[in-house]
Amino acid sequence: MTIRRVVPDIRTDDLDGSRRFYGLLGFVEVMNLGWVRTLASPSNPTAQLTLMGADATAAVHPDMSVEVDDVDAVYATVVEAGAEIVHPLQDEEWGVRRFFVRDPNGRVVNVVSHQ
């Protein structure tokens, strides 16, 4: 399994205000689906954060996202270990396959692969 990036997910009711604030720190918007936006460092594009309103398909909000090369293999591993799945493995219309799992600290992790 290869981890491609790890991104904090910040829940916000003010996507524009949050984007402006993180712009002060040098982040630029690299993806905008309306309810979710990814900001990145122009000099280091894997240094990212995600701003999220209400998730388009999940009832819970993730605390972080981990992009992996094979989400199905990771899903099988965490299910076999007995971890709590809080959003099922599924293909999303915006071109990712993902699931959410709760870590031992109660944090929700969005595990994702781009299709």
PDB file of N, CA and C in Angstrom:
ATOM      1  N   MET A   1       0.846  -1.170   0.000  1.00  0.00           N
ATOM      2  CA  MET A   1       0.000   0.000   0.000  1.00  0.00           C
ATOM      3  C   MET A   1       0.894   1.237   0.000  1.00  0.00           C
ATOM      4  N   THR A   2       0.518   2.204  -0.806  1.00  0.00           N
ATOM      5  CA  THR A   2       1.233   3.472  -0.868  1.00  0.00           C
ATOM      6  C   THR A   2       0.312   4.590  -0.411  1.00  0.00           C
ATOM      7  N   ILE A   3       0.799   5.397   0.520  1.00  0.00           N
ATOM      8  CA  ILE A   3       0.081   6.597   0.927  1.00  0.00           C
ATOM      9  C   ILE A   3       0.565   7.727   0.039  1.00  0.00           C
ATOM     10  N   ARG A   4      -0.365   8.391  -0.627  1.00  0.00           N
ATOM     11  CA  ARG A   4      -0.006   9.478  -1.540  1.00  0.00           C
ATOM     12  C   ARG A   4       0.005  10.832  -0.851  1.00  0.00           C
ATOM     13  N   ARG A   5      -0.914  11.041   0.085  1.00  0.00           N
ATOM     14  CA  ARG A   5      -0.954  12.305   0.830  1.00  0.00           C
ATOM     15  C   ARG A   5      -1.894  12.149   2.017  1.00  0.00           C
ATOM     16  N   VAL A   6      -1.709  13.008   2.997  1.00  0.00           N
ATOM     17  CA  VAL A   6      -2.581  13.085   4.159  1.00  0.00           C
ATOM     18  C   VAL A   6      -2.999  14.541   4.281  1.00  0.00           C
ATOM     19  N   VAL A   7      -4.307  14.771   4.404  1.00  0.00           N
ATOM     20  CA  VAL A   7      -4.847  16.125   4.358  1.00  0.00           C
ATOM     21  C   VAL A   7      -5.807  16.336   5.527  1.00  0.00           C
ATOM     22  N   PRO A   8      -5.613  17.409   6.324  1.00  0.00           N
ATOM     23  CA  PRO A   8      -6.616  17.709   7.343  1.00  0.00           C
ATOM     24  C   PRO A   8      -7.894  18.210   6.680  1.00  0.00           C
ATOM     25  N   ASP A   9      -9.035  17.789   7.211  1.00  0.00           N
ATOM     26  CA  ASP A   9     -10.341  18.223   6.729  1.00  0.00           C
ATOM     27  C   ASP A   9     -10.927  19.167   7.769  1.00  0.00           C
ATOM     28  N   ILE A  10     -11.189  20.399   7.364  1.00  0.00           N
ATOM     29  CA  ILE A  10     -11.690  21.416   8.279  1.00  0.00           C
ATOM     30  C   ILE A  10     -13.155  21.690   7.965  1.00  0.00           C
ATOM     31  N   ARG A  11     -14.029  21.403   8.904  1.00  0.00           N
ATOM     32  CA  ARG A  11     -15.468  21.654   8.758  1.00  0.00           C
ATOM     33  C   ARG A  11     -15.715  23.138   8.936  1.00  0.00           C
ATOM     34  N   THR A  12     -16.457  23.740   8.020  1.00  0.00           N
ATOM     35  CA  THR A  12     -16.738  25.165   8.103  1.00  0.00           C
ATOM     36  C   THR A  12     -18.120  25.488   7.553  1.00  0.00           C
ATOM     37  N   ASP A  13     -18.738  26.481   8.139  1.00  0.00           N
ATOM     38  CA  ASP A  13     -19.991  27.015   7.608  1.00  0.00           C
ATOM     39  C   ASP A  13     -19.724  28.236   6.729  1.00  0.00           C
ATOM     40  N   ASP A  14     -18.448  28.639   6.616  1.00  0.00           N
ATOM     41  CA  ASP A  14     -18.057  29.807   5.827  1.00  0.00           C
ATOM     42  C   ASP A  14     -16.893  29.430   4.923  1.00  0.00           C
ATOM     43  N   LEU A  15     -17.209  28.755   3.826  1.00  0.00           N
ATOM     44  CA  LEU A  15     -16.165  28.300   2.905  1.00  0.00           C
ATOM     45  C   LEU A  15     -15.363  29.466   2.335  1.00  0.00           C
ATOM     46  N   ASP A  16     -16.043  30.535   1.935  1.00  0.00           N
ATOM     47  CA  ASP A  16     -15.336  31.683   1.358  1.00  0.00           C
ATOM     48  C   ASP A  16     -14.433  32.367   2.380  1.00  0.00           C
ATOM     49  N   GLY A  17     -14.947  32.580   3.577  1.00  0.00           N
ATOM     50  CA  GLY A  17     -14.140  33.202   4.621  1.00  0.00           C
ATOM     51  C   GLY A  17     -12.944  32.354   5.001  1.00  0.00           C
ATOM     52  N   SER A  18     -13.149  31.046   5.073  1.00  0.00           N
ATOM     53  CA  SER A  18     -12.043  30.141   5.396  1.00  0.00           C
ATOM     54  C   SER A  18     -10.995  30.144   4.281  1.00  0.00           C
ATOM     55  N   ARG A  19     -11.460  30.151   3.025  1.00  0.00           N
ATOM     56  CA  ARG A  19     -10.526  30.210   1.897  1.00  0.00           C
ATOM     57  C   ARG A  19      -9.707  31.491   1.954  1.00  0.00           C
ATOM     58  N   ARG A  20     -10.367  32.606   2.235  1.00  0.00           N
ATOM     59  CA  ARG A  20      -9.645  33.884   2.337  1.00  0.00           C
ATOM     60  C   ARG A  20      -8.615  33.842   3.471  1.00  0.00           C
ATOM     61  N   PHE A  21      -9.004  33.297   4.632  1.00  0.00           N
ATOM     62  CA  PHE A  21      -8.072  33.220   5.756  1.00  0.00           C
ATOM     63  C   PHE A  21      -6.834  32.401   5.396  1.00  0.00           C
ATOM     64  N   TYR A  22      -7.041  31.190   4.866  1.00  0.00           N
ATOM     65  CA  TYR A  22      -5.892  30.344   4.545  1.00  0.00           C
ATOM     66  C   TYR A  22      -5.094  30.902   3.369  1.00  0.00           C
ATOM     67  N   GLY A  23      -5.729  31.737   2.548  1.00  0.00           N
ATOM     68  CA  GLY A  23      -4.992  32.464   1.514  1.00  0.00           C
ATOM     69  C   GLY A  23      -3.963  33.402   2.114  1.00  0.00           C
ATOM     70  N   LEU A  24      -4.266  33.957   3.289  1.00  0.00           N
ATOM     71  CA  LEU A  24      -3.304  34.813   3.979  1.00  0.00           C
ATOM     72  C   LEU A  24      -2.037  34.050   4.349  1.00  0.00           C
ATOM     73  N   LEU A  25      -2.157  32.745   4.526  1.00  0.00           N
ATOM     74  CA  LEU A  25      -1.007  31.898   4.856  1.00  0.00           C
ATOM     75  C   LEU A  25      -0.295  31.385   3.609  1.00  0.00           C
ATOM     76  N   GLY A  26      -0.814  31.729   2.426  1.00  0.00           N
ATOM     77  CA  GLY A  26      -0.170  31.339   1.184  1.00  0.00           C
ATOM     78  C   GLY A  26      -0.848  30.227   0.417  1.00  0.00           C
ATOM     79  N   PHE A  27      -1.935  29.670   0.956  1.00  0.00           N
ATOM     80  CA  PHE A  27      -2.644  28.601   0.251  1.00  0.00           C
ATOM     81  C   PHE A  27      -3.448  29.165  -0.916  1.00  0.00           C
ATOM     82  N   VAL A  28      -3.533  28.395  -1.995  1.00  0.00           N
ATOM     83  CA  VAL A  28      -4.374  28.737  -3.141  1.00  0.00           C
ATOM     84  C   VAL A  28      -5.364  27.606  -3.378  1.00  0.00           C
ATOM     85  N   GLU A  29      -6.526  27.962  -3.896  1.00  0.00           N
ATOM     86  CA  GLU A  29      -7.559  26.961  -4.172  1.00  0.00           C
ATOM     87  C   GLU A  29      -7.173  26.155  -5.406  1.00  0.00           C
ATOM     88  N   VAL A  30      -7.167  24.827  -5.263  1.00  0.00           N
ATOM     89  CA  VAL A  30      -6.829  23.946  -6.391  1.00  0.00           C
ATOM     90  C   VAL A  30      -7.992  23.056  -6.801  1.00  0.00           C
ATOM     91  N   MET A  31      -9.058  23.008  -5.989  1.00  0.00           N
ATOM     92  CA  MET A  31     -10.240  22.216  -6.322  1.00  0.00           C
ATOM     93  C   MET A  31     -11.421  22.824  -5.598  1.00  0.00           C
ATOM     94  N   ASN A  32     -12.564  22.933  -6.315  1.00  0.00           N
ATOM     95  CA  ASN A  32     -13.771  23.503  -5.717  1.00  0.00           C
ATOM     96  C   ASN A  32     -14.984  22.768  -6.282  1.00  0.00           C
ATOM     97  N   LEU A  33     -15.638  21.977  -5.428  1.00  0.00           N
ATOM     98  CA  LEU A  33     -16.870  21.295  -5.814  1.00  0.00           C
ATOM     99  C   LEU A  33     -18.089  21.967  -5.190  1.00  0.00           C
ATOM    100  N   GLY A  34     -17.908  23.160  -4.679  1.00  0.00           N
ATOM    101  CA  GLY A  34     -19.007  23.865  -4.025  1.00  0.00           C
ATOM    102  C   GLY A  34     -19.038  23.578  -2.537  1.00  0.00           C
ATOM    103  N   TRP A  35     -19.305  22.356  -2.145  1.00  0.00           N
ATOM    104  CA  TRP A  35     -19.394  21.971  -0.730  1.00  0.00           C
ATOM    105  C   TRP A  35     -18.041  21.569  -0.140  1.00  0.00           C
ATOM    106  N   VAL A  36     -17.040  21.356  -1.004  1.00  0.00           N
ATOM    107  CA  VAL A  36     -15.700  20.988  -0.558  1.00  0.00           C
ATOM    108  C   VAL A  36     -14.680  21.694  -1.439  1.00  0.00           C
ATOM    109  N   ARG A  37     -13.638  22.211  -0.789  1.00  0.00           N
ATOM    110  CA  ARG A  37     -12.573  22.906  -1.515  1.00  0.00           C
ATOM    111  C   ARG A  37     -11.228  22.427  -0.991  1.00  0.00           C
ATOM    112  N   THR A  38     -10.292  22.225  -1.889  1.00  0.00           N
ATOM    113  CA  THR A  38      -8.940  21.874  -1.499  1.00  0.00           C
ATOM    114  C   THR A  38      -8.037  23.061  -1.766  1.00  0.00           C
ATOM    115  N   LEU A  39      -7.235  23.388  -0.774  1.00  0.00           N
ATOM    116  CA  LEU A  39      -6.251  24.453  -0.886  1.00  0.00           C
ATOM    117  C   LEU A  39      -4.869  23.818  -0.802  1.00  0.00           C
ATOM    118  N   ALA A  40      -3.911  24.384  -1.535  1.00  0.00           N
ATOM    119  CA  ALA A  40      -2.564  23.816  -1.564  1.00  0.00           C
ATOM    120  C   ALA A  40      -1.525  24.926  -1.565  1.00  0.00           C
ATOM    121  N   SER A  41      -0.333  24.549  -1.174  1.00  0.00           N
ATOM    122  CA  SER A  41       0.812  25.442  -1.262  1.00  0.00           C
ATOM    123  C   SER A  41       1.265  25.501  -2.714  1.00  0.00           C
ATOM    124  N   PRO A  42       1.456  26.687  -3.285  1.00  0.00           N
ATOM    125  CA  PRO A  42       1.936  26.771  -4.666  1.00  0.00           C
ATOM    126  C   PRO A  42       3.334  26.177  -4.845  1.00  0.00           C
ATOM    127  N   SER A  43       4.163  26.211  -3.791  1.00  0.00           N
ATOM    128  CA  SER A  43       5.531  25.709  -3.903  1.00  0.00           C
ATOM    129  C   SER A  43       5.665  24.235  -3.535  1.00  0.00           C
ATOM    130  N   ASN A  44       4.654  23.680  -2.855  1.00  0.00           N
ATOM    131  CA  ASN A  44       4.677  22.272  -2.445  1.00  0.00           C
ATOM    132  C   ASN A  44       3.251  21.746  -2.551  1.00  0.00           C
ATOM    133  N   PRO A  45       2.824  21.315  -3.752  1.00  0.00           N
ATOM    134  CA  PRO A  45       1.418  21.003  -3.976  1.00  0.00           C
ATOM    135  C   PRO A  45       0.836  19.863  -3.137  1.00  0.00           C
ATOM    136  N   THR A  46       1.657  19.064  -2.478  1.00  0.00           N
ATOM    137  CA  THR A  46       1.091  18.034  -1.603  1.00  0.00           C
ATOM    138  C   THR A  46       0.842  18.565  -0.194  1.00  0.00           C
ATOM    139  N   ALA A  47       1.270  19.801   0.108  1.00  0.00           N
ATOM    140  CA  ALA A  47       0.926  20.449   1.380  1.00  0.00           C
ATOM    141  C   ALA A  47      -0.449  21.062   1.179  1.00  0.00           C
ATOM    142  N   GLN A  48      -1.476  20.378   1.698  1.00  0.00           N
ATOM    143  CA  GLN A  48      -2.858  20.739   1.405  1.00  0.00           C
ATOM    144  C   GLN A  48      -3.715  20.734   2.662  1.00  0.00           C
ATOM    145  N   LEU A  49      -4.879  21.361   2.524  1.00  0.00           N
ATOM    146  CA  LEU A  49      -5.947  21.219   3.503  1.00  0.00           C
ATOM    147  C   LEU A  49      -7.258  21.262   2.743  1.00  0.00           C
ATOM    148  N   THR A  50      -8.264  20.666   3.341  1.00  0.00           N
ATOM    149  CA  THR A  50      -9.589  20.622   2.730  1.00  0.00           C
ATOM    150  C   THR A  50     -10.566  21.364   3.620  1.00  0.00           C
ATOM    151  N   LEU A  51     -11.367  22.212   3.000  1.00  0.00           N
ATOM    152  CA  LEU A  51     -12.452  22.912   3.679  1.00  0.00           C
ATOM    153  C   LEU A  51     -13.746  22.241   3.264  1.00  0.00           C
ATOM    154  N   MET A  52     -14.583  21.897   4.234  1.00  0.00           N
ATOM    155  CA  MET A  52     -15.810  21.170   3.928  1.00  0.00           C
ATOM    156  C   MET A  52     -17.017  21.792   4.572  1.00  0.00           C
ATOM    157  N   GLY A  53     -18.081  21.944   3.773  1.00  0.00           N
ATOM    158  CA  GLY A  53     -19.406  22.203   4.298  1.00  0.00           C
ATOM    159  C   GLY A  53     -20.029  20.849   4.590  1.00  0.00           C
ATOM    160  N   ALA A  54     -21.310  20.704   4.406  1.00  0.00           N
ATOM    161  CA  ALA A  54     -21.966  19.404   4.582  1.00  0.00           C
ATOM    162  C   ALA A  54     -21.506  18.471   3.468  1.00  0.00           C
ATOM    163  N   ASP A  55     -21.092  17.258   3.824  1.00  0.00           N
ATOM    164  CA  ASP A  55     -20.616  16.273   2.847  1.00  0.00           C
ATOM    165  C   ASP A  55     -21.748  15.890   1.903  1.00  0.00           C
ATOM    166  N   ALA A  56     -21.419  15.692   0.636  1.00  0.00           N
ATOM    167  CA  ALA A  56     -22.432  15.396  -0.383  1.00  0.00           C
ATOM    168  C   ALA A  56     -23.090  14.031  -0.199  1.00  0.00           C
ATOM    169  N   THR A  57     -22.373  13.041   0.350  1.00  0.00           N
ATOM    170  CA  THR A  57     -22.965  11.709   0.465  1.00  0.00           C
ATOM    171  C   THR A  57     -22.818  11.068   1.843  1.00  0.00           C
ATOM    172  N   ALA A  58     -22.076  11.687   2.740  1.00  0.00           N
ATOM    173  CA  ALA A  58     -21.843  11.075   4.052  1.00  0.00           C
ATOM    174  C   ALA A  58     -22.551  11.860   5.147  1.00  0.00           C
ATOM    175  N   ALA A  59     -23.030  11.140   6.139  1.00  0.00           N
ATOM    176  CA  ALA A  59     -23.725  11.774   7.263  1.00  0.00           C
ATOM    177  C   ALA A  59     -22.759  12.291   8.327  1.00  0.00           C
ATOM    178  N   VAL A  60     -21.517  11.860   8.276  1.00  0.00           N
ATOM    179  CA  VAL A  60     -20.508  12.293   9.245  1.00  0.00           C
ATOM    180  C   VAL A  60     -19.433  13.092   8.517  1.00  0.00           C
ATOM    181  N   HIS A  61     -18.708  13.883   9.275  1.00  0.00           N
ATOM    182  CA  HIS A  61     -17.639  14.708   8.722  1.00  0.00           C
ATOM    183  C   HIS A  61     -16.289  14.091   9.073  1.00  0.00           C
ATOM    184  N   PRO A  62     -15.410  13.880   8.088  1.00  0.00           N
ATOM    185  CA  PRO A  62     -14.097  13.330   8.408  1.00  0.00           C
ATOM    186  C   PRO A  62     -13.181  14.400   9.007  1.00  0.00           C
ATOM    187  N   ASP A  63     -12.274  13.949   9.845  1.00  0.00           N
ATOM    188  CA  ASP A  63     -11.277  14.836  10.437  1.00  0.00           C
ATOM    189  C   ASP A  63     -10.031  14.949   9.564  1.00  0.00           C
ATOM    190  N   MET A  64      -9.788  13.914   8.779  1.00  0.00           N
ATOM    191  CA  MET A  64      -8.642  13.916   7.884  1.00  0.00           C
ATOM    192  C   MET A  64      -8.902  12.978   6.723  1.00  0.00           C
ATOM    193  N   SER A  65      -8.173  13.202   5.642  1.00  0.00           N
ATOM    194  CA  SER A  65      -8.253  12.318   4.482  1.00  0.00           C
ATOM    195  C   SER A  65      -6.884  11.710   4.234  1.00  0.00           C
ATOM    196  N   VAL A  66      -6.879  10.426   3.903  1.00  0.00           N
ATOM    197  CA  VAL A  66      -5.658   9.724   3.542  1.00  0.00           C
ATOM    198  C   VAL A  66      -5.867   9.161   2.148  1.00  0.00           C
ATOM    199  N   GLU A  67      -5.108   9.682   1.190  1.00  0.00           N
ATOM    200  CA  GLU A  67      -5.190   9.168  -0.173  1.00  0.00           C
ATOM    201  C   GLU A  67      -4.219   8.009  -0.320  1.00  0.00           C
ATOM    202  N   VAL A  68      -4.737   6.880  -0.771  1.00  0.00           N
ATOM    203  CA  VAL A  68      -3.937   5.672  -0.942  1.00  0.00           C
ATOM    204  C   VAL A  68      -4.018   5.207  -2.390  1.00  0.00           C
ATOM    205  N   ASP A  69      -3.122   4.318  -2.772  1.00  0.00           N
ATOM    206  CA  ASP A  69      -3.129   3.822  -4.151  1.00  0.00           C
ATOM    207  C   ASP A  69      -4.171   2.735  -4.367  1.00  0.00           C
ATOM    208  N   ASP A  70      -4.595   2.028  -3.300  1.00  0.00           N
ATOM    209  CA  ASP A  70      -5.546   0.923  -3.447  1.00  0.00           C
ATOM    210  C   ASP A  70      -6.532   0.935  -2.277  1.00  0.00           C
ATOM    211  N   VAL A  71      -7.599   1.698  -2.420  1.00  0.00           N
ATOM    212  CA  VAL A  71      -8.573   1.856  -1.336  1.00  0.00           C
ATOM    213  C   VAL A  71      -9.262   0.534  -1.004  1.00  0.00           C
ATOM    214  N   ASP A  72      -9.450  -0.338  -1.985  1.00  0.00           N
ATOM    215  CA  ASP A  72     -10.100  -1.628  -1.717  1.00  0.00           C
ATOM    216  C   ASP A  72      -9.245  -2.497  -0.797  1.00  0.00           C
ATOM    217  N   ALA A  73      -7.945  -2.486  -0.995  1.00  0.00           N
ATOM    218  CA  ALA A  73      -7.051  -3.272  -0.140  1.00  0.00           C
ATOM    219  C   ALA A  73      -7.044  -2.724   1.284  1.00  0.00           C
ATOM    220  N   VAL A  74      -7.025  -1.406   1.424  1.00  0.00           N
ATOM    221  CA  VAL A  74      -7.048  -0.804   2.762  1.00  0.00           C
ATOM    222  C   VAL A  74      -8.378  -1.113   3.451  1.00  0.00           C
ATOM    223  N   TYR A  75      -9.462  -1.022   2.702  1.00  0.00           N
ATOM    224  CA  TYR A  75     -10.778  -1.335   3.256  1.00  0.00           C
ATOM    225  C   TYR A  75     -10.792  -2.771   3.799  1.00  0.00           C
ATOM    226  N   ALA A  76     -10.298  -3.721   3.026  1.00  0.00           N
ATOM    227  CA  ALA A  76     -10.268  -5.116   3.461  1.00  0.00           C
ATOM    228  C   ALA A  76      -9.437  -5.269   4.735  1.00  0.00           C
ATOM    229  N   THR A  77      -8.335  -4.561   4.815  1.00  0.00           N
ATOM    230  CA  THR A  77      -7.457  -4.642   5.982  1.00  0.00           C
ATOM    231  C   THR A  77      -8.139  -4.109   7.237  1.00  0.00           C
ATOM    232  N   VAL A  78      -8.789  -2.944   7.134  1.00  0.00           N
ATOM    233  CA  VAL A  78      -9.409  -2.370   8.335  1.00  0.00           C
ATOM    234  C   VAL A  78     -10.659  -3.140   8.755  1.00  0.00           C
ATOM    235  N   VAL A  79     -11.402  -3.674   7.793  1.00  0.00           N
ATOM    236  CA  VAL A  79     -12.567  -4.495   8.134  1.00  0.00           C
ATOM    237  C   VAL A  79     -12.109  -5.767   8.845  1.00  0.00           C
ATOM    238  N   GLU A  80     -11.072  -6.397   8.320  1.00  0.00           N
ATOM    239  CA  GLU A  80     -10.542  -7.621   8.944  1.00  0.00           C
ATOM    240  C   GLU A  80     -10.052  -7.348  10.364  1.00  0.00           C
ATOM    241  N   ALA A  81      -9.529  -6.151  10.600  1.00  0.00           N
ATOM    242  CA  ALA A  81      -9.039  -5.788  11.936  1.00  0.00           C
ATOM    243  C   ALA A  81     -10.175  -5.413  12.885  1.00  0.00           C
ATOM    244  N   GLY A  82     -11.393  -5.299  12.360  1.00  0.00           N
ATOM    245  CA  GLY A  82     -12.544  -4.989  13.206  1.00  0.00           C
ATOM    246  C   GLY A  82     -12.784  -3.510  13.440  1.00  0.00           C
ATOM    247  N   ALA A  83     -12.164  -2.649  12.636  1.00  0.00           N
ATOM    248  CA  ALA A  83     -12.357  -1.202  12.791  1.00  0.00           C
ATOM    249  C   ALA A  83     -13.785  -0.821  12.417  1.00  0.00           C
ATOM    250  N   GLU A  84     -14.266   0.270  12.993  1.00  0.00           N
ATOM    251  CA  GLU A  84     -15.631   0.734  12.750  1.00  0.00           C
ATOM    252  C   GLU A  84     -15.706   1.534  11.449  1.00  0.00           C
ATOM    253  N   ILE A  85     -16.446   1.027  10.494  1.00  0.00           N
ATOM    254  CA  ILE A  85     -16.691   1.734   9.235  1.00  0.00           C
ATOM    255  C   ILE A  85     -17.887   2.653   9.467  1.00  0.00           C
ATOM    256  N   VAL A  86     -17.713   3.958   9.230  1.00  0.00           N
ATOM    257  CA  VAL A  86     -18.808   4.903   9.474  1.00  0.00           C
ATOM    258  C   VAL A  86     -19.388   5.477   8.182  1.00  0.00           C
ATOM    259  N   HIS A  87     -18.789   5.148   7.055  1.00  0.00           N
ATOM    260  CA  HIS A  87     -19.339   5.486   5.729  1.00  0.00           C
ATOM    261  C   HIS A  87     -18.844   4.386   4.793  1.00  0.00           C
ATOM    262  N   PRO A  88     -19.746   3.735   4.072  1.00  0.00           N
ATOM    263  CA  PRO A  88     -19.363   2.549   3.295  1.00  0.00           C
ATOM    264  C   PRO A  88     -18.428   2.867   2.126  1.00  0.00           C
ATOM    265  N   LEU A  89     -17.700   1.859   1.717  1.00  0.00           N
ATOM    266  CA  LEU A  89     -16.847   1.952   0.535  1.00  0.00           C
ATOM    267  C   LEU A  89     -17.749   2.168  -0.679  1.00  0.00           C
ATOM    268  N   GLN A  90     -17.501   3.234  -1.419  1.00  0.00           N
ATOM    269  CA  GLN A  90     -18.333   3.507  -2.592  1.00  0.00           C
ATOM    270  C   GLN A  90     -17.617   4.440  -3.559  1.00  0.00           C
ATOM    271  N   ASP A  91     -18.035   4.342  -4.811  1.00  0.00           N
ATOM    272  CA  ASP A  91     -17.579   5.259  -5.848  1.00  0.00           C
ATOM    273  C   ASP A  91     -18.405   6.525  -5.752  1.00  0.00           C
ATOM    274  N   GLU A  92     -17.732   7.677  -5.844  1.00  0.00           N
ATOM    275  CA  GLU A  92     -18.415   8.963  -5.794  1.00  0.00           C
ATOM    276  C   GLU A  92     -18.403   9.588  -7.181  1.00  0.00           C
ATOM    277  N   GLU A  93     -19.417  10.385  -7.472  1.00  0.00           N
ATOM    278  CA  GLU A  93     -19.579  10.964  -8.810  1.00  0.00           C
ATOM    279  C   GLU A  93     -18.465  11.930  -9.179  1.00  0.00           C
ATOM    280  N   TRP A  94     -17.685  12.400  -8.205  1.00  0.00           N
ATOM    281  CA  TRP A  94     -16.597  13.341  -8.510  1.00  0.00           C
ATOM    282  C   TRP A  94     -15.261  12.641  -8.743  1.00  0.00           C
ATOM    283  N   GLY A  95     -15.305  11.330  -8.969  1.00  0.00           N
ATOM    284  CA  GLY A  95     -14.128  10.602  -9.426  1.00  0.00           C
ATOM    285  C   GLY A  95     -13.234   9.993  -8.370  1.00  0.00           C
ATOM    286  N   VAL A  96     -13.787   9.729  -7.183  1.00  0.00           N
ATOM    287  CA  VAL A  96     -13.015   9.044  -6.149  1.00  0.00           C
ATOM    288  C   VAL A  96     -13.779   7.817  -5.674  1.00  0.00           C
ATOM    289  N   ARG A  97     -13.052   6.905  -5.057  1.00  0.00           N
ATOM    290  CA  ARG A  97     -13.625   5.759  -4.353  1.00  0.00           C
ATOM    291  C   ARG A  97     -13.164   5.921  -2.923  1.00  0.00           C
ATOM    292  N   ARG A  98     -14.094   5.850  -1.953  1.00  0.00           N
ATOM    293  CA  ARG A  98     -13.723   6.162  -0.579  1.00  0.00           C
ATOM    294  C   ARG A  98     -14.597   5.436   0.441  1.00  0.00           C
ATOM    295  N   PHE A  99     -14.103   5.443   1.673  1.00  0.00           N
ATOM    296  CA  PHE A  99     -14.864   5.016   2.843  1.00  0.00           C
ATOM    297  C   PHE A  99     -14.347   5.806   4.038  1.00  0.00           C
ATOM    298  N   PHE A 100     -15.140   5.852   5.108  1.00  0.00           N
ATOM    299  CA  PHE A 100     -14.725   6.495   6.348  1.00  0.00           C
ATOM    300  C   PHE A 100     -14.595   5.423   7.413  1.00  0.00           C
ATOM    301  N   VAL A 101     -13.547   5.537   8.223  1.00  0.00           N
ATOM    302  CA  VAL A 101     -13.309   4.624   9.328  1.00  0.00           C
ATOM    303  C   VAL A 101     -12.985   5.450  10.573  1.00  0.00           C
ATOM    304  N   ARG A 102     -13.448   4.962  11.739  1.00  0.00           N
ATOM    305  CA  ARG A 102     -13.171   5.668  12.998  1.00  0.00           C
ATOM    306  C   ARG A 102     -11.883   5.103  13.604  1.00  0.00           C
ATOM    307  N   ASP A 103     -10.977   6.000  13.997  1.00  0.00           N
ATOM    308  CA  ASP A 103      -9.733   5.549  14.629  1.00  0.00           C
ATOM    309  C   ASP A 103      -9.957   5.323  16.119  1.00  0.00           C
ATOM    310  N   PRO A 104      -8.975   4.772  16.859  1.00  0.00           N
ATOM    311  CA  PRO A 104      -9.164   4.482  18.283  1.00  0.00           C
ATOM    312  C   PRO A 104      -9.430   5.719  19.138  1.00  0.00           C
ATOM    313  N   ASN A 105      -9.151   6.925  18.604  1.00  0.00           N
ATOM    314  CA  ASN A 105      -9.368   8.170  19.333  1.00  0.00           C
ATOM    315  C   ASN A 105     -10.719   8.801  19.022  1.00  0.00           C
ATOM    316  N   GLY A 106     -11.517   8.127  18.188  1.00  0.00           N
ATOM    317  CA  GLY A 106     -12.818   8.659  17.818  1.00  0.00           C
ATOM    318  C   GLY A 106     -12.792   9.548  16.586  1.00  0.00           C
ATOM    319  N   ARG A 107     -11.619   9.773  15.997  1.00  0.00           N
ATOM    320  CA  ARG A 107     -11.497  10.600  14.797  1.00  0.00           C
ATOM    321  C   ARG A 107     -11.957   9.812  13.576  1.00  0.00           C
ATOM    322  N   VAL A 108     -12.588  10.517  12.640  1.00  0.00           N
ATOM    323  CA  VAL A 108     -13.067   9.887  11.418  1.00  0.00           C
ATOM    324  C   VAL A 108     -12.064  10.150  10.300  1.00  0.00           C
ATOM    325  N   VAL A 109     -11.621   9.068   9.655  1.00  0.00           N
ATOM    326  CA  VAL A 109     -10.633   9.151   8.584  1.00  0.00           C
ATOM    327  C   VAL A 109     -11.298   8.781   7.265  1.00  0.00           C
ATOM    328  N   ASN A 110     -11.203   9.682   6.300  1.00  0.00           N
ATOM    329  CA  ASN A 110     -11.670   9.455   4.947  1.00  0.00           C
ATOM    330  C   ASN A 110     -10.526   8.785   4.188  1.00  0.00           C
ATOM    331  N   VAL A 111     -10.681   7.547   3.800  1.00  0.00           N
ATOM    332  CA  VAL A 111      -9.662   6.826   3.033  1.00  0.00           C
ATOM    333  C   VAL A 111     -10.118   6.836   1.587  1.00  0.00           C
ATOM    334  N   VAL A 112      -9.286   7.321   0.680  1.00  0.00           N
ATOM    335  CA  VAL A 112      -9.726   7.645  -0.671  1.00  0.00           C
ATOM    336  C   VAL A 112      -8.674   7.285  -1.715  1.00  0.00           C
ATOM    337  N   SER A 113      -9.144   6.882  -2.880  1.00  0.00           N
ATOM    338  CA  SER A 113      -8.314   6.742  -4.075  1.00  0.00           C
ATOM    339  C   SER A 113      -8.999   7.458  -5.211  1.00  0.00           C
ATOM    340  N   HIS A 114      -8.228   8.119  -6.045  1.00  0.00           N
ATOM    341  CA  HIS A 114      -8.786   8.727  -7.246  1.00  0.00           C
ATOM    342  C   HIS A 114      -8.936   7.655  -8.310  1.00  0.00           C
ATOM    343  N   GLN A 115     -10.026   7.730  -9.069  1.00  0.00           N
ATOM    344  CA  GLN A 115     -10.287   6.715 -10.113  1.00  0.00           C
ATOM    345  C   GLN A 115      -9.755   7.182 -11.447  1.00  0.00           C
TER     346      GLN A 115
END
